[in-house]
Protein backbone atom coordinates (compact mmCIF):
# COMPACT_ATOMS: atom_id res chain seq x y z
CA MET A 1 -35.37 163.63 -173.74
CA ILE A 2 -35.40 163.98 -169.77
CA ALA A 3 -31.85 163.34 -168.45
CA LYS A 4 -31.36 160.53 -165.95
CA LYS A 5 -30.52 161.46 -162.38
CA ILE A 6 -27.14 160.29 -160.91
CA CYS A 7 -26.72 160.96 -157.39
CA LEU A 8 -23.19 160.79 -156.85
CA VAL A 9 -21.45 160.44 -153.39
CA GLU A 10 -17.57 161.02 -153.14
CA ASP A 11 -15.62 163.03 -150.32
CA THR A 12 -13.02 163.81 -152.21
CA PRO A 13 -14.05 167.39 -154.02
CA ASP A 14 -11.56 167.14 -157.09
CA LEU A 15 -12.73 163.79 -157.97
CA LEU A 16 -16.45 164.74 -157.30
CA ASP A 17 -16.32 167.60 -159.78
CA ASN A 18 -14.33 165.77 -162.24
CA LEU A 19 -17.06 162.55 -162.22
CA SER A 20 -19.40 165.17 -162.12
CA GLN A 21 -18.22 167.10 -165.04
CA PHE A 22 -17.95 163.86 -166.98
CA LEU A 23 -21.28 162.52 -166.61
CA ARG A 24 -22.75 165.76 -167.33
CA MET A 25 -21.31 165.41 -170.79
CA GLU A 26 -22.64 162.29 -171.21
CA GLY A 27 -26.29 163.78 -170.80
CA TYR A 28 -26.52 163.20 -167.06
CA GLU A 29 -28.02 165.15 -164.27
CA ILE A 30 -25.73 165.17 -161.32
CA TRP A 31 -26.57 165.61 -157.86
CA PRO A 32 -23.15 165.78 -156.15
CA CYS A 33 -22.70 164.69 -152.48
CA LYS A 34 -19.90 164.98 -150.65
CA ASN A 35 -20.77 162.95 -148.02
CA GLY A 36 -23.44 159.99 -146.73
CA ILE A 37 -25.66 162.57 -144.75
CA GLU A 38 -25.83 164.92 -147.49
CA ALA A 39 -26.86 162.22 -150.11
CA MET A 40 -29.89 160.80 -147.75
CA ASP A 41 -31.17 164.67 -147.52
CA ARG A 42 -31.06 164.64 -151.18
CA MET A 43 -32.68 161.81 -151.44
CA LYS A 44 -35.61 162.37 -149.33
CA LYS A 45 -36.62 165.03 -151.66
CA ASP A 46 -36.24 162.81 -154.79
CA THR A 47 -35.59 159.93 -156.45
CA PRO A 48 -32.18 159.51 -158.70
CA ASP A 49 -31.80 156.64 -161.33
CA LEU A 50 -28.37 155.52 -159.96
CA ILE A 51 -26.89 155.93 -157.06
CA ILE A 52 -23.00 156.44 -157.34
CA THR A 53 -21.45 156.25 -153.86
CA ASP A 54 -17.43 156.03 -153.04
CA PHE A 55 -16.48 153.27 -150.78
CA LEU A 56 -14.20 154.52 -148.03
CA MET A 57 -15.72 158.16 -146.72
CA PRO A 58 -15.19 159.48 -143.09
CA GLY A 59 -18.88 159.01 -141.52
CA ILE A 60 -21.17 156.93 -143.43
CA ASN A 61 -19.21 154.83 -145.97
CA GLY A 62 -20.46 153.59 -148.75
CA LEU A 63 -21.85 150.27 -147.58
CA GLU A 64 -23.36 151.85 -144.51
CA LEU A 65 -25.00 154.29 -146.70
CA ILE A 66 -26.18 151.40 -148.57
CA GLN A 67 -27.89 149.79 -145.54
CA LYS A 68 -29.49 153.23 -144.79
CA LEU A 69 -31.04 153.50 -148.04
CA LYS A 70 -32.64 150.00 -148.05
CA HIS A 71 -34.90 151.89 -145.36
CA MET A 72 -36.25 154.41 -147.58
CA ASN A 73 -39.01 152.75 -149.27
CA HIS A 74 -39.07 154.71 -152.53
CA LEU A 75 -35.34 153.88 -153.00
CA THR A 76 -35.22 150.21 -152.54
CA ALA A 77 -35.34 149.42 -156.72
CA VAL A 78 -33.07 152.14 -157.46
CA PRO A 79 -29.81 150.66 -158.39
CA VAL A 80 -26.58 150.95 -156.83
CA ALA A 81 -22.61 151.44 -158.19
CA LEU A 82 -20.05 151.21 -154.96
CA PHE A 83 -16.38 152.26 -155.73
CA SER A 84 -13.10 153.52 -154.23
CA ALA A 85 -10.23 155.16 -155.93
CA LYS A 86 -8.32 153.62 -153.40
CA PRO A 87 -6.49 149.91 -154.32
């Protein structure tokens, strides 16, 4: 069975590591990215099955990342989950 690929975008290193580890334990292939630019570069090379992105990040925030991804034709059908650890 081929693992589903998740591009995980989170600027807090500990949270990125913890979420990546948890999702790997559930059987997913994780592409950990520390910011939106790194995620866009990674997704130019391959298409994930799901994108999970933090809402509040320096540089490109989660909403801006989603807007940029809409212009990458191979990613238009990929579901995106937006989250934030902040209240």
